Amino acid sequence: MDHPLIDLINAKIRAAEKDGAFDDLPGSGKPLPRCDDPENAVLNRILKDNGAVPEIVSISQELRRLREELMDNSDRDERRRIIRDMAVLEARIELAQKGR
């Protein structure tokens, strides 16, 4: 069964084509970009455009930041806290990799 508004949608598209709304669009006449995951292409583009990254990437970035903080810190209690936080992040990375 078609969507109840399909006729209206098609009429709007035909009117826009007639008015030249689709003429000279960016990328016109060029091949479409290669897509490795066509089923999730729109979702992946939305995530990328909004700066979203996979969990393992964000955890790795936080781990890198903590390593730098550890190198710059001489307070024993603070270093202990940083090492504990790093261990938690390393465990999360390991779990994420096993889940693949």
N, C-alpha and C. Protein backbone atom coordinates (compact mmCIF):
# COMPACT_ATOMS: atom_id res chain seq x y z
N MET A 1 0.84 -1.19 0.00
CA MET A 1 0.00 0.00 0.00
C MET A 1 0.88 1.24 0.00
N ASP A 2 0.57 2.16 -0.88
CA ASP A 2 1.33 3.40 -0.95
C ASP A 2 0.99 4.32 0.21
N HIS A 3 1.91 5.21 0.47
CA HIS A 3 1.71 6.22 1.50
C HIS A 3 0.54 7.10 1.08
N PRO A 4 -0.32 7.53 2.01
CA PRO A 4 -1.50 8.32 1.64
C PRO A 4 -1.16 9.65 0.95
N LEU A 5 0.04 10.14 1.15
CA LEU A 5 0.41 11.42 0.54
C LEU A 5 1.28 11.26 -0.71
N ILE A 6 1.41 10.02 -1.22
CA ILE A 6 2.33 9.77 -2.33
C ILE A 6 1.97 10.60 -3.56
N ASP A 7 0.69 10.74 -3.85
CA ASP A 7 0.29 11.52 -5.02
C ASP A 7 0.68 12.99 -4.85
N LEU A 8 0.48 13.53 -3.66
CA LEU A 8 0.86 14.92 -3.40
C LEU A 8 2.38 15.09 -3.50
N ILE A 9 3.11 14.15 -2.93
CA ILE A 9 4.57 14.21 -2.98
C ILE A 9 5.07 14.17 -4.42
N ASN A 10 4.53 13.25 -5.21
CA ASN A 10 4.93 13.16 -6.61
C ASN A 10 4.58 14.42 -7.39
N ALA A 11 3.43 15.01 -7.11
CA ALA A 11 3.03 16.25 -7.78
C ALA A 11 4.01 17.38 -7.44
N LYS A 12 4.42 17.46 -6.17
CA LYS A 12 5.37 18.49 -5.75
C LYS A 12 6.72 18.30 -6.45
N ILE A 13 7.16 17.05 -6.56
CA ILE A 13 8.43 16.76 -7.23
C ILE A 13 8.36 17.14 -8.70
N ARG A 14 7.25 16.76 -9.36
CA ARG A 14 7.09 17.12 -10.79
C ARG A 14 7.09 18.63 -10.98
N ALA A 15 6.41 19.37 -10.09
CA ALA A 15 6.36 20.83 -10.20
C ALA A 15 7.76 21.42 -10.00
N ALA A 16 8.51 20.88 -9.05
CA ALA A 16 9.86 21.38 -8.81
C ALA A 16 10.76 21.10 -10.00
N GLU A 17 10.63 19.91 -10.60
CA GLU A 17 11.41 19.60 -11.80
C GLU A 17 11.07 20.56 -12.93
N LYS A 18 9.79 20.82 -13.10
CA LYS A 18 9.33 21.72 -14.17
C LYS A 18 9.88 23.14 -13.96
N ASP A 19 9.94 23.57 -12.70
CA ASP A 19 10.43 24.92 -12.38
C ASP A 19 11.96 24.99 -12.39
N GLY A 20 12.64 23.86 -12.58
CA GLY A 20 14.10 23.86 -12.65
C GLY A 20 14.79 23.83 -11.30
N ALA A 21 14.06 23.44 -10.26
CA ALA A 21 14.64 23.43 -8.91
C ALA A 21 15.79 22.43 -8.77
N PHE A 22 15.85 21.44 -9.66
CA PHE A 22 16.89 20.43 -9.58
C PHE A 22 18.01 20.65 -10.59
N ASP A 23 17.94 21.74 -11.33
CA ASP A 23 18.98 22.04 -12.31
C ASP A 23 20.22 22.58 -11.61
N ASP A 24 21.38 22.22 -12.10
CA ASP A 24 22.66 22.74 -11.61
C ASP A 24 22.89 22.51 -10.12
N LEU A 25 22.51 21.37 -9.63
CA LEU A 25 22.78 21.03 -8.22
C LEU A 25 24.26 20.68 -8.06
N PRO A 26 24.85 20.91 -6.89
CA PRO A 26 26.25 20.53 -6.67
C PRO A 26 26.44 19.02 -6.92
N GLY A 27 27.46 18.68 -7.66
CA GLY A 27 27.74 17.27 -7.95
C GLY A 27 26.98 16.74 -9.14
N SER A 28 26.21 17.59 -9.78
CA SER A 28 25.42 17.15 -10.93
C SER A 28 26.33 16.61 -12.02
N GLY A 29 26.00 15.45 -12.54
CA GLY A 29 26.78 14.84 -13.61
C GLY A 29 27.99 14.05 -13.13
N LYS A 30 28.24 14.05 -11.83
CA LYS A 30 29.37 13.32 -11.27
C LYS A 30 28.87 12.01 -10.67
N PRO A 31 29.74 10.99 -10.61
CA PRO A 31 29.30 9.72 -10.01
C PRO A 31 29.06 9.88 -8.51
N LEU A 32 28.18 9.06 -8.01
CA LEU A 32 27.92 9.08 -6.57
C LEU A 32 29.14 8.58 -5.83
N PRO A 33 29.40 9.09 -4.62
CA PRO A 33 30.55 8.61 -3.85
C PRO A 33 30.38 7.13 -3.50
N ARG A 34 31.50 6.44 -3.40
CA ARG A 34 31.49 5.02 -3.05
C ARG A 34 30.92 4.85 -1.65
N CYS A 35 30.12 3.82 -1.47
CA CYS A 35 29.49 3.58 -0.17
C CYS A 35 29.75 2.14 0.24
N ASP A 36 30.46 1.95 1.36
CA ASP A 36 30.77 0.61 1.84
C ASP A 36 29.60 -0.03 2.58
N ASP A 37 28.70 0.79 3.11
CA ASP A 37 27.60 0.29 3.92
C ASP A 37 26.30 0.97 3.49
N PRO A 38 25.75 0.58 2.33
CA PRO A 38 24.58 1.30 1.81
C PRO A 38 23.36 1.25 2.71
N GLU A 39 23.20 0.19 3.49
CA GLU A 39 22.03 0.09 4.36
C GLU A 39 22.05 1.15 5.46
N ASN A 40 23.24 1.56 5.88
CA ASN A 40 23.36 2.53 6.97
C ASN A 40 23.98 3.85 6.51
N ALA A 41 23.96 4.10 5.21
CA ALA A 41 24.64 5.28 4.68
C ALA A 41 24.10 6.58 5.26
N VAL A 42 22.79 6.72 5.35
CA VAL A 42 22.20 7.96 5.87
C VAL A 42 22.54 8.12 7.35
N LEU A 43 22.39 7.04 8.11
CA LEU A 43 22.72 7.10 9.53
C LEU A 43 24.19 7.46 9.74
N ASN A 44 25.07 6.82 8.98
CA ASN A 44 26.51 7.12 9.11
C ASN A 44 26.82 8.57 8.76
N ARG A 45 26.17 9.09 7.72
CA ARG A 45 26.41 10.49 7.34
C ARG A 45 25.93 11.44 8.43
N ILE A 46 24.77 11.17 9.02
CA ILE A 46 24.25 12.02 10.10
C ILE A 46 25.20 12.00 11.29
N LEU A 47 25.67 10.80 11.65
CA LEU A 47 26.61 10.68 12.77
C LEU A 47 27.90 11.45 12.48
N LYS A 48 28.43 11.28 11.28
CA LYS A 48 29.68 11.95 10.91
C LYS A 48 29.51 13.47 10.89
N ASP A 49 28.40 13.94 10.32
CA ASP A 49 28.16 15.38 10.24
C ASP A 49 28.00 16.02 11.61
N ASN A 50 27.60 15.23 12.60
CA ASN A 50 27.40 15.76 13.94
C ASN A 50 28.53 15.42 14.90
N GLY A 51 29.64 14.93 14.34
CA GLY A 51 30.83 14.70 15.15
C GLY A 51 30.79 13.45 16.02
N ALA A 52 29.85 12.57 15.77
CA ALA A 52 29.76 11.34 16.56
C ALA A 52 30.87 10.38 16.12
N VAL A 53 31.41 9.68 17.08
CA VAL A 53 32.44 8.68 16.79
C VAL A 53 32.06 7.38 17.49
N PRO A 54 32.56 6.25 17.02
CA PRO A 54 32.30 4.99 17.71
C PRO A 54 32.82 5.04 19.15
N GLU A 55 32.18 4.28 20.02
CA GLU A 55 32.53 4.31 21.44
C GLU A 55 34.01 4.01 21.66
N ILE A 56 34.54 3.03 20.95
CA ILE A 56 35.94 2.64 21.15
C ILE A 56 36.88 3.80 20.82
N VAL A 57 36.51 4.63 19.85
CA VAL A 57 37.34 5.78 19.49
C VAL A 57 37.31 6.82 20.61
N SER A 58 36.13 7.11 21.13
CA SER A 58 36.06 8.11 22.20
C SER A 58 36.75 7.62 23.46
N ILE A 59 36.66 6.33 23.76
CA ILE A 59 37.36 5.78 24.92
C ILE A 59 38.87 5.88 24.71
N SER A 60 39.33 5.57 23.51
CA SER A 60 40.77 5.65 23.21
C SER A 60 41.28 7.08 23.34
N GLN A 61 40.47 8.04 22.92
CA GLN A 61 40.87 9.45 23.05
C GLN A 61 40.99 9.85 24.51
N GLU A 62 40.03 9.40 25.33
CA GLU A 62 40.08 9.70 26.76
C GLU A 62 41.28 9.03 27.41
N LEU A 63 41.59 7.81 27.00
CA LEU A 63 42.75 7.09 27.53
C LEU A 63 44.04 7.84 27.18
N ARG A 64 44.14 8.32 25.97
CA ARG A 64 45.32 9.10 25.55
C ARG A 64 45.46 10.36 26.40
N ARG A 65 44.33 11.02 26.66
CA ARG A 65 44.35 12.24 27.49
C ARG A 65 44.83 11.92 28.90
N LEU A 66 44.35 10.81 29.45
CA LEU A 66 44.76 10.43 30.81
C LEU A 66 46.25 10.08 30.87
N ARG A 67 46.76 9.44 29.83
CA ARG A 67 48.20 9.13 29.80
C ARG A 67 49.04 10.41 29.82
N GLU A 68 48.61 11.40 29.08
CA GLU A 68 49.32 12.68 29.07
C GLU A 68 49.22 13.34 30.45
N GLU A 69 48.03 13.27 31.04
CA GLU A 69 47.85 13.85 32.37
C GLU A 69 48.73 13.15 33.40
N LEU A 70 48.86 11.84 33.28
CA LEU A 70 49.70 11.07 34.20
C LEU A 70 51.16 11.50 34.10
N MET A 71 51.63 11.72 32.88
CA MET A 71 53.02 12.13 32.68
C MET A 71 53.29 13.51 33.28
N ASP A 72 52.28 14.36 33.29
CA ASP A 72 52.47 15.73 33.76
C ASP A 72 52.18 15.90 35.25
N ASN A 73 51.78 14.84 35.91
CA ASN A 73 51.34 14.96 37.29
C ASN A 73 52.33 14.27 38.23
N SER A 74 52.67 14.94 39.33
CA SER A 74 53.60 14.35 40.30
C SER A 74 52.94 14.01 41.62
N ASP A 75 51.68 14.41 41.81
CA ASP A 75 50.96 14.12 43.04
C ASP A 75 50.61 12.62 43.09
N ARG A 76 51.06 11.95 44.16
CA ARG A 76 50.89 10.50 44.26
C ARG A 76 49.41 10.09 44.25
N ASP A 77 48.57 10.76 45.00
CA ASP A 77 47.14 10.41 45.04
C ASP A 77 46.47 10.65 43.69
N GLU A 78 46.82 11.74 43.07
CA GLU A 78 46.24 12.05 41.76
C GLU A 78 46.69 11.04 40.72
N ARG A 79 47.95 10.65 40.76
CA ARG A 79 48.46 9.64 39.83
C ARG A 79 47.74 8.30 40.04
N ARG A 80 47.47 7.96 41.29
CA ARG A 80 46.76 6.72 41.60
C ARG A 80 45.34 6.77 41.00
N ARG A 81 44.68 7.90 41.13
CA ARG A 81 43.34 8.07 40.56
C ARG A 81 43.37 7.94 39.04
N ILE A 82 44.37 8.56 38.42
CA ILE A 82 44.49 8.52 36.95
C ILE A 82 44.73 7.08 36.49
N ILE A 83 45.60 6.37 37.19
CA ILE A 83 45.90 4.97 36.83
C ILE A 83 44.64 4.11 36.97
N ARG A 84 43.87 4.35 38.02
CA ARG A 84 42.62 3.61 38.22
C ARG A 84 41.65 3.91 37.06
N ASP A 85 41.52 5.18 36.70
CA ASP A 85 40.65 5.56 35.58
C ASP A 85 41.12 4.94 34.27
N MET A 86 42.43 4.89 34.08
CA MET A 86 42.99 4.28 32.87
C MET A 86 42.66 2.79 32.81
N ALA A 87 42.74 2.11 33.95
CA ALA A 87 42.44 0.68 34.00
C ALA A 87 40.98 0.42 33.61
N VAL A 88 40.08 1.28 34.08
CA VAL A 88 38.67 1.14 33.73
C VAL A 88 38.47 1.33 32.23
N LEU A 89 39.12 2.34 31.66
CA LEU A 89 39.00 2.58 30.22
C LEU A 89 39.59 1.45 29.40
N GLU A 90 40.72 0.91 29.83
CA GLU A 90 41.34 -0.21 29.13
C GLU A 90 40.42 -1.44 29.16
N ALA A 91 39.75 -1.66 30.28
CA ALA A 91 38.80 -2.77 30.38
C ALA A 91 37.61 -2.55 29.45
N ARG A 92 37.13 -1.31 29.35
CA ARG A 92 36.02 -1.01 28.45
C ARG A 92 36.43 -1.23 26.99
N ILE A 93 37.66 -0.88 26.64
CA ILE A 93 38.14 -1.11 25.28
C ILE A 93 38.20 -2.61 25.00
N GLU A 94 38.71 -3.37 25.96
CA GLU A 94 38.81 -4.82 25.79
C GLU A 94 37.41 -5.43 25.60
N LEU A 95 36.45 -4.99 26.40
CA LEU A 95 35.09 -5.50 26.26
C LEU A 95 34.48 -5.13 24.92
N ALA A 96 34.73 -3.91 24.47
CA ALA A 96 34.20 -3.47 23.17
C ALA A 96 34.80 -4.29 22.03
N GLN A 97 36.08 -4.61 22.14
CA GLN A 97 36.74 -5.41 21.09
C GLN A 97 36.23 -6.84 21.10
N LYS A 98 35.95 -7.39 22.26
CA LYS A 98 35.42 -8.75 22.33
C LYS A 98 34.00 -8.82 21.79
N GLY A 99 33.27 -7.72 21.93
CA GLY A 99 31.90 -7.67 21.45
C GLY A 99 31.76 -7.61 19.95
N ARG A 100 32.85 -7.35 19.26
CA ARG A 100 32.79 -7.25 17.81
C ARG A 100 32.62 -8.58 17.22
